[in-house]
Each structure stands twice: as structure tokens, then as C-alpha cells.
Amino acid sequence: MARRGRCSAQSRRYEQNRKIKKFVKGLNPSLKARLLVLDPRSLEEVLCIANRQESRVESYQ
């Protein structure tokens, strides 16, 4: 039973990392670089940081 839970948690981490990589791959290179420096751990964190960074860029234009 414990093994099933561990595999499931491992599977969720893999899926989360796959989604993060896919999202980051599609970003503007300068935004991507700033985001990766912050080393986000979840897709929610990635989206939040990217949104904040994008808002900052738009406010300067």
C-alpha cells in the first residue's frame, strides 16, 4: 500500500515538472531567464511569477 502512494506521488511530481517545462518553453526568452532564476516548484508558482513579470514589463511600455 505504501509503495502505491509513493509511486503516485512520484507520478504527480513528474507530471507537475512536465507541465512546468512545457509552459516555460513557450515563454519569451528574457522572461524565461528571469523565471528560471527564481526556481519555482509548482505550476501555480510559475504562473504567478510569470504573470507578475509580464505585468512589470507591460507597465514600462
Protein backbone atom coordinates (compact mmCIF):
# COMPACT_ATOMS: atom_id res chain seq x y z
CA MET A 1 0.00 0.00 0.00
CA ALA A 2 2.77 2.46 0.89
CA ARG A 3 4.50 1.72 -2.38
CA ARG A 4 1.40 2.63 -4.36
CA GLY A 5 1.24 6.00 -2.58
CA ARG A 6 4.92 6.65 -3.27
CA CYS A 7 4.54 5.82 -6.96
CA SER A 8 1.51 8.02 -7.17
CA ALA A 9 3.34 10.94 -5.51
CA GLN A 10 6.30 10.38 -7.82
CA SER A 11 3.96 10.33 -10.80
CA ARG A 12 2.33 13.60 -9.71
CA ARG A 13 5.75 15.27 -9.32
CA TYR A 14 6.76 14.06 -12.78
CA GLU A 15 3.53 15.38 -14.30
CA GLN A 16 3.92 18.73 -12.49
CA ASN A 17 7.51 19.09 -13.76
CA ARG A 18 6.42 18.20 -17.29
CA LYS A 19 3.75 20.92 -17.24
CA ILE A 20 6.21 23.48 -15.87
CA LYS A 21 8.78 22.69 -18.57
CA LYS A 22 6.16 22.87 -21.31
CA PHE A 23 4.89 26.25 -20.08
CA VAL A 24 8.37 27.74 -19.63
CA LYS A 25 9.43 26.52 -23.09
CA GLY A 26 6.79 28.78 -24.67
CA LEU A 27 7.83 31.95 -22.85
CA ASN A 28 9.73 34.92 -24.20
CA PRO A 29 13.48 34.22 -23.66
CA SER A 30 14.04 37.15 -21.29
CA LEU A 31 11.00 36.24 -19.19
CA LYS A 32 12.10 32.60 -19.21
CA ALA A 33 15.54 33.54 -17.87
CA ARG A 34 14.10 35.66 -15.04
CA LEU A 35 11.65 32.92 -14.13
CA LEU A 36 14.23 30.14 -14.01
CA VAL A 37 16.45 32.17 -11.67
CA LEU A 38 13.62 32.09 -9.12
CA ASP A 39 13.42 28.26 -9.31
CA PRO A 40 9.65 27.80 -8.93
CA ARG A 41 8.45 24.47 -7.50
CA SER A 42 4.87 24.28 -8.76
CA LEU A 43 2.89 25.20 -11.85
CA GLU A 44 0.86 27.63 -9.75
CA GLU A 45 4.07 29.37 -8.64
CA VAL A 46 5.35 29.51 -12.24
CA LEU A 47 2.11 31.09 -13.46
CA CYS A 48 2.08 33.63 -10.63
CA ILE A 49 5.71 34.68 -11.19
CA ALA A 50 5.29 34.87 -14.98
CA ASN A 51 2.16 36.96 -14.59
CA ARG A 52 3.91 39.39 -12.21
CA GLN A 53 6.92 39.70 -14.50
CA GLU A 54 4.72 40.27 -17.54
CA SER A 55 2.76 42.97 -15.69
CA ARG A 56 6.01 44.75 -14.83
CA VAL A 57 7.14 44.68 -18.46
CA GLU A 58 3.78 46.00 -19.67
CA SER A 59 3.83 48.85 -17.17
CA TYR A 60 7.14 50.09 -18.64
CA GLN A 61 5.82 50.11 -22.22
